[in-house]
Amino acid sequence: MKRFVTPEYITGQEIKSIRTQLGLTQKEFAQFVNSSVPTIERWECSEKNITGPIVLLCEIIAENNSLAEELIIPEKEYPLRLWYMYNEKVCTIIDVDEGKRQVAIKNFTNKVMFRAFGKIEKPSYELYEEWLESRCFPRERDKMKLILKDLNIPFYDAMMIIEKTEGRMAEDDFWIKIER
């Protein structure tokens, strides 16, 4: 049986210290560790040793202070935001200004194959348009007009198709959430 060098418990004071080092309120820290504010309050005031997944999570956070910063959802840069998802995990956030043809992204995974634009950190608007179409059925598809009719879309438009289909493809767990 494998054994691990992980602490068995953490104190409330240690949790508060880690939260304070991160510069987070109790509410923000609760969101970060996927817990409730009352739980964070209870832990921080506790005289007892705290056990459970929070122990290892705090150990990881203490070793990697930039982790919280890396996971912050950025302020919306442009009017349109697309969330490129793998199942329920956010892979890339894409902000778009369609009028000015500008794109800004933030990746939330190191797995290049899971990123909307792979290794590209500053995609052009043209690359963004190509990516949108890649999440739709091809323009040349046989009986495309029937598919568009089923979707209640008057003509081929990648964004309109994605709004109806979430950019879901057959046998693919990636999808797109649109925020305007």
N, C-alpha and C. Protein backbone atom coordinates (compact mmCIF):
# COMPACT_ATOMS: atom_id res chain seq x y z
N MET A 1 0.84 -1.18 0.00
CA MET A 1 0.00 0.00 0.00
C MET A 1 0.89 1.25 0.00
N LYS A 2 0.56 2.19 -0.87
CA LYS A 2 1.33 3.43 -0.95
C LYS A 2 0.92 4.36 0.19
N ARG A 3 1.89 5.10 0.69
CA ARG A 3 1.63 6.11 1.71
C ARG A 3 2.12 7.45 1.17
N PHE A 4 1.54 8.51 1.68
CA PHE A 4 1.86 9.84 1.16
C PHE A 4 2.29 10.77 2.29
N VAL A 5 3.16 11.69 1.94
CA VAL A 5 3.62 12.69 2.88
C VAL A 5 2.69 13.89 2.77
N THR A 6 1.50 13.74 3.29
CA THR A 6 0.54 14.84 3.32
C THR A 6 0.10 15.02 4.76
N PRO A 7 -0.12 16.25 5.17
CA PRO A 7 -0.54 16.49 6.55
C PRO A 7 -1.89 15.84 6.84
N GLU A 8 -2.07 15.43 8.07
CA GLU A 8 -3.34 14.82 8.48
C GLU A 8 -4.40 15.88 8.77
N TYR A 9 -3.93 17.06 9.16
CA TYR A 9 -4.88 18.10 9.54
C TYR A 9 -4.26 19.48 9.30
N ILE A 10 -5.11 20.49 9.41
CA ILE A 10 -4.69 21.89 9.34
C ILE A 10 -5.45 22.63 10.43
N THR A 11 -4.89 23.70 10.91
CA THR A 11 -5.59 24.48 11.93
C THR A 11 -6.36 25.62 11.28
N GLY A 12 -7.31 26.13 12.02
CA GLY A 12 -8.09 27.27 11.53
C GLY A 12 -7.20 28.48 11.27
N GLN A 13 -6.21 28.67 12.13
CA GLN A 13 -5.29 29.80 11.98
C GLN A 13 -4.47 29.65 10.69
N GLU A 14 -4.09 28.42 10.36
CA GLU A 14 -3.34 28.19 9.12
C GLU A 14 -4.21 28.47 7.89
N ILE A 15 -5.47 28.08 7.95
CA ILE A 15 -6.39 28.38 6.85
C ILE A 15 -6.53 29.89 6.68
N LYS A 16 -6.73 30.59 7.78
CA LYS A 16 -6.86 32.05 7.73
C LYS A 16 -5.59 32.69 7.19
N SER A 17 -4.44 32.17 7.59
CA SER A 17 -3.15 32.70 7.13
C SER A 17 -3.01 32.53 5.62
N ILE A 18 -3.36 31.35 5.11
CA ILE A 18 -3.28 31.11 3.67
C ILE A 18 -4.23 32.03 2.92
N ARG A 19 -5.47 32.16 3.43
CA ARG A 19 -6.46 33.04 2.80
C ARG A 19 -5.95 34.47 2.76
N THR A 20 -5.38 34.92 3.88
CA THR A 20 -4.87 36.29 3.98
C THR A 20 -3.70 36.51 3.03
N GLN A 21 -2.79 35.53 2.94
CA GLN A 21 -1.66 35.63 2.01
C GLN A 21 -2.12 35.77 0.57
N LEU A 22 -3.23 35.11 0.25
CA LEU A 22 -3.79 35.20 -1.10
C LEU A 22 -4.53 36.52 -1.33
N GLY A 23 -4.79 37.24 -0.27
CA GLY A 23 -5.52 38.51 -0.39
C GLY A 23 -6.99 38.31 -0.70
N LEU A 24 -7.56 37.20 -0.19
CA LEU A 24 -8.96 36.89 -0.47
C LEU A 24 -9.83 37.11 0.75
N THR A 25 -11.05 37.56 0.52
CA THR A 25 -12.04 37.63 1.58
C THR A 25 -12.50 36.21 1.88
N GLN A 26 -13.24 36.04 2.97
CA GLN A 26 -13.78 34.71 3.26
C GLN A 26 -14.70 34.25 2.14
N LYS A 27 -15.49 35.17 1.60
CA LYS A 27 -16.39 34.81 0.50
C LYS A 27 -15.61 34.36 -0.73
N GLU A 28 -14.57 35.11 -1.10
CA GLU A 28 -13.75 34.76 -2.26
C GLU A 28 -13.03 33.43 -2.04
N PHE A 29 -12.51 33.22 -0.82
CA PHE A 29 -11.82 31.97 -0.52
C PHE A 29 -12.80 30.79 -0.57
N ALA A 30 -14.01 31.01 -0.09
CA ALA A 30 -15.04 29.96 -0.15
C ALA A 30 -15.31 29.58 -1.60
N GLN A 31 -15.42 30.56 -2.47
CA GLN A 31 -15.62 30.28 -3.90
C GLN A 31 -14.43 29.53 -4.47
N PHE A 32 -13.23 29.96 -4.09
CA PHE A 32 -11.99 29.36 -4.61
C PHE A 32 -11.87 27.89 -4.23
N VAL A 33 -12.22 27.54 -2.99
CA VAL A 33 -12.09 26.15 -2.54
C VAL A 33 -13.39 25.37 -2.67
N ASN A 34 -14.38 26.00 -3.31
CA ASN A 34 -15.67 25.36 -3.56
C ASN A 34 -16.34 24.92 -2.26
N SER A 35 -16.44 25.88 -1.36
CA SER A 35 -17.05 25.63 -0.06
C SER A 35 -18.02 26.77 0.24
N SER A 36 -18.59 26.78 1.43
CA SER A 36 -19.51 27.86 1.81
C SER A 36 -18.81 28.84 2.74
N VAL A 37 -19.31 30.06 2.80
CA VAL A 37 -18.75 31.07 3.69
C VAL A 37 -18.87 30.62 5.16
N PRO A 38 -20.03 30.09 5.59
CA PRO A 38 -20.11 29.62 6.98
C PRO A 38 -19.07 28.54 7.32
N THR A 39 -18.75 27.69 6.36
CA THR A 39 -17.72 26.67 6.61
C THR A 39 -16.36 27.32 6.82
N ILE A 40 -16.02 28.30 5.98
CA ILE A 40 -14.74 29.01 6.12
C ILE A 40 -14.70 29.72 7.47
N GLU A 41 -15.78 30.39 7.84
CA GLU A 41 -15.86 31.08 9.14
C GLU A 41 -15.65 30.09 10.28
N ARG A 42 -16.32 28.94 10.18
CA ARG A 42 -16.22 27.92 11.24
C ARG A 42 -14.80 27.39 11.34
N TRP A 43 -14.18 27.10 10.19
CA TRP A 43 -12.81 26.60 10.20
C TRP A 43 -11.87 27.62 10.84
N GLU A 44 -11.98 28.87 10.42
CA GLU A 44 -11.04 29.89 10.90
C GLU A 44 -11.18 30.17 12.40
N CYS A 45 -12.36 29.93 12.95
CA CYS A 45 -12.58 30.16 14.39
C CYS A 45 -12.36 28.91 15.23
N SER A 46 -12.16 27.79 14.57
CA SER A 46 -12.08 26.51 15.27
C SER A 46 -10.78 26.36 16.05
N GLU A 47 -10.90 25.77 17.22
CA GLU A 47 -9.74 25.40 18.03
C GLU A 47 -9.33 23.96 17.73
N LYS A 48 -10.18 23.23 17.00
CA LYS A 48 -9.93 21.84 16.67
C LYS A 48 -9.12 21.73 15.38
N ASN A 49 -8.47 20.60 15.21
CA ASN A 49 -7.77 20.33 13.96
C ASN A 49 -8.80 20.03 12.88
N ILE A 50 -8.57 20.56 11.69
CA ILE A 50 -9.50 20.40 10.58
C ILE A 50 -8.93 19.33 9.65
N THR A 51 -9.76 18.38 9.27
CA THR A 51 -9.33 17.30 8.38
C THR A 51 -10.17 17.32 7.10
N GLY A 52 -9.77 16.49 6.16
CA GLY A 52 -10.52 16.38 4.92
C GLY A 52 -9.75 16.96 3.75
N PRO A 53 -10.41 17.08 2.60
CA PRO A 53 -9.75 17.54 1.37
C PRO A 53 -9.13 18.94 1.50
N ILE A 54 -9.66 19.78 2.38
CA ILE A 54 -9.12 21.13 2.53
C ILE A 54 -7.66 21.10 2.98
N VAL A 55 -7.26 20.04 3.67
CA VAL A 55 -5.88 19.93 4.15
C VAL A 55 -4.92 19.87 2.97
N LEU A 56 -5.16 18.95 2.06
CA LEU A 56 -4.29 18.82 0.89
C LEU A 56 -4.41 20.04 -0.01
N LEU A 57 -5.61 20.57 -0.17
CA LEU A 57 -5.80 21.75 -1.01
C LEU A 57 -4.99 22.93 -0.46
N CYS A 58 -5.04 23.14 0.83
CA CYS A 58 -4.25 24.24 1.43
C CYS A 58 -2.76 24.00 1.27
N GLU A 59 -2.33 22.74 1.34
CA GLU A 59 -0.92 22.40 1.13
C GLU A 59 -0.51 22.78 -0.29
N ILE A 60 -1.35 22.47 -1.25
CA ILE A 60 -1.06 22.81 -2.65
C ILE A 60 -1.05 24.32 -2.84
N ILE A 61 -2.01 25.00 -2.26
CA ILE A 61 -2.09 26.46 -2.38
C ILE A 61 -0.87 27.12 -1.75
N ALA A 62 -0.46 26.62 -0.58
CA ALA A 62 0.70 27.19 0.12
C ALA A 62 1.97 27.04 -0.71
N GLU A 63 2.07 25.95 -1.46
CA GLU A 63 3.25 25.71 -2.31
C GLU A 63 3.18 26.48 -3.62
N ASN A 64 1.98 26.92 -4.01
CA ASN A 64 1.81 27.59 -5.29
C ASN A 64 0.89 28.79 -5.09
N ASN A 65 1.43 29.87 -4.55
CA ASN A 65 0.62 31.07 -4.26
C ASN A 65 -0.02 31.68 -5.51
N SER A 66 0.54 31.43 -6.68
CA SER A 66 -0.01 32.04 -7.89
C SER A 66 -1.24 31.28 -8.40
N LEU A 67 -1.54 30.14 -7.81
CA LEU A 67 -2.66 29.32 -8.27
C LEU A 67 -3.98 30.09 -8.28
N ALA A 68 -4.26 30.81 -7.23
CA ALA A 68 -5.51 31.59 -7.16
C ALA A 68 -5.56 32.63 -8.27
N GLU A 69 -4.46 33.32 -8.50
CA GLU A 69 -4.40 34.33 -9.57
C GLU A 69 -4.65 33.71 -10.94
N GLU A 70 -4.07 32.53 -11.16
CA GLU A 70 -4.21 31.85 -12.44
C GLU A 70 -5.66 31.45 -12.72
N LEU A 71 -6.44 31.24 -11.67
CA LEU A 71 -7.81 30.76 -11.84
C LEU A 71 -8.87 31.85 -11.78
N ILE A 72 -8.45 33.09 -11.61
CA ILE A 72 -9.41 34.20 -11.58
C ILE A 72 -9.99 34.42 -12.97
N ILE A 73 -11.31 34.55 -13.03
CA ILE A 73 -11.96 34.87 -14.30
C ILE A 73 -11.70 36.34 -14.59
N PRO A 74 -11.10 36.65 -15.73
CA PRO A 74 -10.76 38.05 -16.02
C PRO A 74 -12.02 38.90 -16.27
N GLU A 75 -11.88 40.19 -16.05
CA GLU A 75 -12.94 41.12 -16.40
C GLU A 75 -13.18 40.99 -17.90
N LYS A 76 -14.42 41.15 -18.29
CA LYS A 76 -14.78 41.05 -19.70
C LYS A 76 -14.12 42.20 -20.46
N GLU A 77 -13.32 41.85 -21.46
CA GLU A 77 -12.57 42.85 -22.23
C GLU A 77 -13.38 43.43 -23.38
N TYR A 78 -14.21 42.57 -24.00
CA TYR A 78 -15.02 42.98 -25.15
C TYR A 78 -16.46 42.54 -24.92
N PRO A 79 -17.41 43.05 -25.71
CA PRO A 79 -18.84 42.79 -25.46
C PRO A 79 -19.29 41.33 -25.48
N LEU A 80 -18.62 40.50 -26.28
CA LEU A 80 -19.03 39.10 -26.43
C LEU A 80 -18.02 38.21 -25.72
N ARG A 81 -18.51 37.27 -24.92
CA ARG A 81 -17.63 36.31 -24.24
C ARG A 81 -18.08 34.90 -24.58
N LEU A 82 -17.13 34.08 -25.00
CA LEU A 82 -17.39 32.67 -25.25
C LEU A 82 -16.55 31.86 -24.26
N TRP A 83 -17.19 30.88 -23.66
CA TRP A 83 -16.53 29.96 -22.73
C TRP A 83 -16.35 28.64 -23.48
N TYR A 84 -15.11 28.30 -23.81
CA TYR A 84 -14.83 27.03 -24.48
C TYR A 84 -14.63 25.98 -23.38
N MET A 85 -15.53 25.01 -23.37
CA MET A 85 -15.62 24.06 -22.26
C MET A 85 -15.27 22.64 -22.72
N TYR A 86 -14.73 21.87 -21.77
CA TYR A 86 -14.60 20.43 -21.94
C TYR A 86 -15.40 19.82 -20.81
N ASN A 87 -16.51 19.20 -21.14
CA ASN A 87 -17.50 18.78 -20.14
C ASN A 87 -17.85 20.01 -19.31
N GLU A 88 -17.54 20.03 -18.02
CA GLU A 88 -17.87 21.21 -17.20
C GLU A 88 -16.62 22.02 -16.83
N LYS A 89 -15.49 21.72 -17.45
CA LYS A 89 -14.25 22.44 -17.16
C LYS A 89 -14.02 23.55 -18.18
N VAL A 90 -13.73 24.73 -17.68
CA VAL A 90 -13.41 25.87 -18.55
C VAL A 90 -12.00 25.66 -19.10
N CYS A 91 -11.88 25.68 -20.42
CA CYS A 91 -10.58 25.54 -21.07
C CYS A 91 -10.04 26.90 -21.51
N THR A 92 -10.88 27.68 -22.20
CA THR A 92 -10.47 28.99 -22.71
C THR A 92 -11.65 29.95 -22.62
N ILE A 93 -11.37 31.17 -22.17
CA ILE A 93 -12.36 32.25 -22.24
C ILE A 93 -11.93 33.14 -23.40
N ILE A 94 -12.89 33.45 -24.27
CA ILE A 94 -12.62 34.23 -25.47
C ILE A 94 -13.51 35.47 -25.45
N ASP A 95 -12.90 36.64 -25.40
CA ASP A 95 -13.64 37.90 -25.49
C ASP A 95 -13.49 38.44 -26.90
N VAL A 96 -14.62 38.89 -27.46
CA VAL A 96 -14.63 39.31 -28.86
C VAL A 96 -15.35 40.65 -29.02
N ASP A 97 -14.76 41.52 -29.81
CA ASP A 97 -15.44 42.74 -30.27
C ASP A 97 -15.63 42.55 -31.76
N GLU A 98 -16.85 42.16 -32.15
CA GLU A 98 -17.12 41.85 -33.55
C GLU A 98 -17.00 43.08 -34.44
N GLY A 99 -17.40 44.24 -33.93
CA GLY A 99 -17.34 45.47 -34.72
C GLY A 99 -15.92 45.88 -35.03
N LYS A 100 -15.04 45.81 -34.04
CA LYS A 100 -13.64 46.19 -34.22
C LYS A 100 -12.75 45.01 -34.62
N ARG A 101 -13.37 43.83 -34.71
CA ARG A 101 -12.67 42.62 -35.11
C ARG A 101 -11.45 42.35 -34.22
N GLN A 102 -11.71 42.34 -32.90
CA GLN A 102 -10.64 42.09 -31.93
C GLN A 102 -10.99 40.89 -31.06
N VAL A 103 -9.95 40.17 -30.67
CA VAL A 103 -10.11 38.96 -29.87
C VAL A 103 -9.08 38.96 -28.75
N ALA A 104 -9.51 38.57 -27.55
CA ALA A 104 -8.59 38.38 -26.41
C ALA A 104 -8.98 37.06 -25.75
N ILE A 105 -7.97 36.29 -25.34
CA ILE A 105 -8.26 35.00 -24.72
C ILE A 105 -7.51 34.83 -23.40
N LYS A 106 -8.02 33.91 -22.58
CA LYS A 106 -7.29 33.43 -21.41
C LYS A 106 -7.52 31.93 -21.34
N ASN A 107 -6.41 31.20 -21.32
CA ASN A 107 -6.48 29.75 -21.22
C ASN A 107 -6.45 29.33 -19.76
N PHE A 108 -7.20 28.29 -19.44
CA PHE A 108 -7.25 27.77 -18.09
C PHE A 108 -6.77 26.31 -18.03
N THR A 109 -6.03 25.91 -19.04
CA THR A 109 -5.45 24.56 -19.06
C THR A 109 -4.09 24.62 -19.74
N ASN A 110 -3.21 23.74 -19.29
CA ASN A 110 -1.90 23.62 -19.94
C ASN A 110 -1.95 22.61 -21.08
N LYS A 111 -3.05 21.88 -21.20
CA LYS A 111 -3.18 20.89 -22.26
C LYS A 111 -3.51 21.61 -23.56
N VAL A 112 -2.53 21.69 -24.44
CA VAL A 112 -2.67 22.44 -25.70
C VAL A 112 -3.86 21.95 -26.51
N MET A 113 -4.10 20.65 -26.51
CA MET A 113 -5.21 20.10 -27.30
C MET A 113 -6.58 20.52 -26.74
N PHE A 114 -6.63 21.01 -25.52
CA PHE A 114 -7.88 21.42 -24.91
C PHE A 114 -8.12 22.92 -25.05
N ARG A 115 -7.14 23.64 -25.54
CA ARG A 115 -7.26 25.08 -25.70
C ARG A 115 -7.95 25.40 -27.03
N ALA A 116 -8.74 26.43 -27.04
CA ALA A 116 -9.46 26.80 -28.26
C ALA A 116 -8.52 27.04 -29.44
N PHE A 117 -7.38 27.66 -29.18
CA PHE A 117 -6.46 28.01 -30.27
C PHE A 117 -5.10 27.31 -30.14
N GLY A 118 -5.07 26.22 -29.41
CA GLY A 118 -3.82 25.47 -29.24
C GLY A 118 -2.75 26.31 -28.59
N LYS A 119 -1.58 26.39 -29.23
CA LYS A 119 -0.44 27.14 -28.68
C LYS A 119 -0.57 28.65 -28.87
N ILE A 120 -1.47 29.08 -29.73
CA ILE A 120 -1.60 30.50 -30.07
C ILE A 120 -2.23 31.26 -28.90
N GLU A 121 -1.53 32.25 -28.39
CA GLU A 121 -1.99 33.05 -27.25
C GLU A 121 -2.71 34.33 -27.67
N LYS A 122 -2.44 34.80 -28.89
CA LYS A 122 -3.06 36.02 -29.39
C LYS A 122 -3.63 35.76 -30.77
N PRO A 123 -4.78 35.11 -30.83
CA PRO A 123 -5.34 34.78 -32.15
C PRO A 123 -5.86 36.03 -32.87
N SER A 124 -5.76 35.99 -34.19
CA SER A 124 -6.32 37.07 -35.00
C SER A 124 -7.83 36.87 -35.09
N TYR A 125 -8.52 37.89 -35.56
CA TYR A 125 -9.96 37.76 -35.73
C TYR A 125 -10.27 36.70 -36.80
N GLU A 126 -9.43 36.63 -37.81
CA GLU A 126 -9.64 35.64 -38.86
C GLU A 126 -9.50 34.22 -38.31
N LEU A 127 -8.53 34.01 -37.44
CA LEU A 127 -8.37 32.69 -36.83
C LEU A 127 -9.57 32.37 -35.94
N TYR A 128 -10.07 33.37 -35.24
CA TYR A 128 -11.28 33.20 -34.42
C TYR A 128 -12.46 32.76 -35.30
N GLU A 129 -12.63 33.42 -36.46
CA GLU A 129 -13.73 33.04 -37.37
C GLU A 129 -13.56 31.60 -37.86
N GLU A 130 -12.32 31.22 -38.18
CA GLU A 130 -12.06 29.83 -38.60
C GLU A 130 -12.40 28.86 -37.47
N TRP A 131 -12.02 29.21 -36.25
CA TRP A 131 -12.30 28.36 -35.10
C TRP A 131 -13.81 28.20 -34.90
N LEU A 132 -14.55 29.32 -35.02
CA LEU A 132 -16.01 29.24 -34.89
C LEU A 132 -16.58 28.24 -35.89
N GLU A 133 -16.15 28.36 -37.13
CA GLU A 133 -16.66 27.44 -38.17
C GLU A 133 -16.26 26.00 -37.90
N SER A 134 -15.12 25.81 -37.25
CA SER A 134 -14.68 24.44 -36.95
C SER A 134 -15.60 23.78 -35.92
N ARG A 135 -16.37 24.58 -35.20
CA ARG A 135 -17.31 24.05 -34.20
C ARG A 135 -18.71 23.88 -34.79
N CYS A 136 -18.82 24.01 -36.11
CA CYS A 136 -20.10 23.85 -36.82
C CYS A 136 -19.95 22.76 -37.88
N PHE A 137 -21.07 22.39 -38.46
CA PHE A 137 -21.00 21.48 -39.60
C PHE A 137 -20.44 22.27 -40.79
N PRO A 138 -19.78 21.58 -41.74
CA PRO A 138 -19.15 22.28 -42.86
C PRO A 138 -20.17 22.99 -43.76
N ARG A 139 -19.74 24.10 -44.33
CA ARG A 139 -20.59 24.86 -45.26
C ARG A 139 -21.01 23.98 -46.46
N GLU A 140 -20.15 23.06 -46.85
CA GLU A 140 -20.37 22.23 -48.03
C GLU A 140 -21.18 20.98 -47.71
N ARG A 141 -21.64 20.84 -46.52
CA ARG A 141 -22.33 19.61 -46.11
C ARG A 141 -23.55 19.34 -46.98
N ASP A 142 -23.70 18.08 -47.32
CA ASP A 142 -24.85 17.64 -48.10
C ASP A 142 -26.13 17.96 -47.32
N LYS A 143 -27.09 18.50 -47.98
CA LYS A 143 -28.39 18.85 -47.39
C LYS A 143 -28.27 19.89 -46.26
N MET A 144 -27.30 20.80 -46.44
CA MET A 144 -27.08 21.84 -45.44
C MET A 144 -28.33 22.69 -45.23
N LYS A 145 -29.05 22.99 -46.30
CA LYS A 145 -30.25 23.83 -46.17
C LYS A 145 -31.30 23.17 -45.28
N LEU A 146 -31.39 21.85 -45.32
CA LEU A 146 -32.34 21.14 -44.46
C LEU A 146 -31.91 21.23 -42.98
N ILE A 147 -30.62 21.15 -42.76
CA ILE A 147 -30.11 21.26 -41.39
C ILE A 147 -30.38 22.67 -40.86
N LEU A 148 -30.10 23.67 -41.68
CA LEU A 148 -30.36 25.05 -41.27
C LEU A 148 -31.85 25.26 -40.99
N LYS A 149 -32.69 24.66 -41.82
CA LYS A 149 -34.14 24.78 -41.63
C LYS A 149 -34.54 24.14 -40.29
N ASP A 150 -33.98 22.96 -39.99
CA ASP A 150 -34.26 22.29 -38.70
C ASP A 150 -33.83 23.15 -37.51
N LEU A 151 -32.75 23.90 -37.70
CA LEU A 151 -32.26 24.78 -36.63
C LEU A 151 -32.98 26.13 -36.61
N ASN A 152 -33.84 26.34 -37.61
CA ASN A 152 -34.56 27.60 -37.75
C ASN A 152 -33.58 28.77 -37.96
N ILE A 153 -32.60 28.54 -38.84
CA ILE A 153 -31.61 29.55 -39.19
C ILE A 153 -31.73 29.82 -40.68
N PRO A 154 -31.87 31.09 -41.10
CA PRO A 154 -32.13 31.41 -42.51
C PRO A 154 -30.95 31.19 -43.44
N PHE A 155 -29.72 31.28 -42.94
CA PHE A 155 -28.53 31.12 -43.77
C PHE A 155 -27.39 30.65 -42.89
N TYR A 156 -26.30 30.20 -43.53
CA TYR A 156 -25.15 29.69 -42.78
C TYR A 156 -24.45 30.83 -42.08
N ASP A 157 -24.45 30.80 -40.77
CA ASP A 157 -23.74 31.78 -39.95
C ASP A 157 -23.23 31.02 -38.73
N ALA A 158 -21.91 30.94 -38.58
CA ALA A 158 -21.31 30.12 -37.52
C ALA A 158 -21.83 30.50 -36.14
N MET A 159 -21.91 31.78 -35.85
CA MET A 159 -22.37 32.19 -34.52
C MET A 159 -23.82 31.78 -34.28
N MET A 160 -24.67 31.94 -35.27
CA MET A 160 -26.07 31.53 -35.12
C MET A 160 -26.18 30.02 -34.89
N ILE A 161 -25.35 29.27 -35.59
CA ILE A 161 -25.35 27.81 -35.42
C ILE A 161 -24.89 27.44 -34.02
N ILE A 162 -23.83 28.09 -33.55
CA ILE A 162 -23.32 27.80 -32.21
C ILE A 162 -24.32 28.20 -31.14
N GLU A 163 -25.04 29.29 -31.36
CA GLU A 163 -26.08 29.67 -30.38
C GLU A 163 -27.14 28.59 -30.26
N LYS A 164 -27.41 27.89 -31.34
CA LYS A 164 -28.43 26.81 -31.32
C LYS A 164 -27.86 25.48 -30.83
N THR A 165 -26.60 25.20 -31.17
CA THR A 165 -26.03 23.87 -30.91
C THR A 165 -25.00 23.84 -29.79
N GLU A 166 -24.62 25.01 -29.28
CA GLU A 166 -23.53 25.17 -28.31
C GLU A 166 -22.20 24.68 -28.89
N GLY A 167 -22.12 24.62 -30.20
CA GLY A 167 -20.88 24.19 -30.84
C GLY A 167 -20.53 22.74 -30.55
N ARG A 168 -21.54 21.96 -30.17
CA ARG A 168 -21.30 20.55 -29.85
C ARG A 168 -21.17 19.75 -31.15
N MET A 169 -20.22 18.85 -31.14
CA MET A 169 -19.97 18.00 -32.29
C MET A 169 -20.20 16.55 -31.88
N ALA A 170 -20.45 15.70 -32.83
CA ALA A 170 -20.66 14.28 -32.55
C ALA A 170 -19.40 13.69 -31.91
N GLU A 171 -19.59 12.88 -30.87
CA GLU A 171 -18.51 12.19 -30.18
C GLU A 171 -17.42 13.15 -29.72
N ASP A 172 -17.82 14.28 -29.16
CA ASP A 172 -16.90 15.34 -28.75
C ASP A 172 -17.47 15.95 -27.46
N ASP A 173 -16.65 16.09 -26.46
CA ASP A 173 -17.12 16.63 -25.18
C ASP A 173 -16.85 18.12 -25.03
N PHE A 174 -16.43 18.77 -26.10
CA PHE A 174 -16.20 20.22 -26.07
C PHE A 174 -17.49 20.93 -26.45
N TRP A 175 -17.71 22.10 -25.87
CA TRP A 175 -18.87 22.89 -26.22
C TRP A 175 -18.60 24.35 -25.87
N ILE A 176 -19.50 25.24 -26.29
CA ILE A 176 -19.30 26.68 -26.12
C ILE A 176 -20.50 27.29 -25.43
N LYS A 177 -20.22 28.06 -24.39
CA LYS A 177 -21.25 28.84 -23.70
C LYS A 177 -21.05 30.30 -24.14
N ILE A 178 -22.14 30.95 -24.55
CA ILE A 178 -22.06 32.33 -25.04
C ILE A 178 -22.62 33.28 -23.99
N GLU A 179 -21.88 34.36 -23.75
CA GLU A 179 -22.29 35.39 -22.80
C GLU A 179 -22.20 36.73 -23.51
N ARG A 180 -23.32 37.42 -23.58
CA ARG A 180 -23.33 38.73 -24.24
C ARG A 180 -23.43 39.84 -23.22
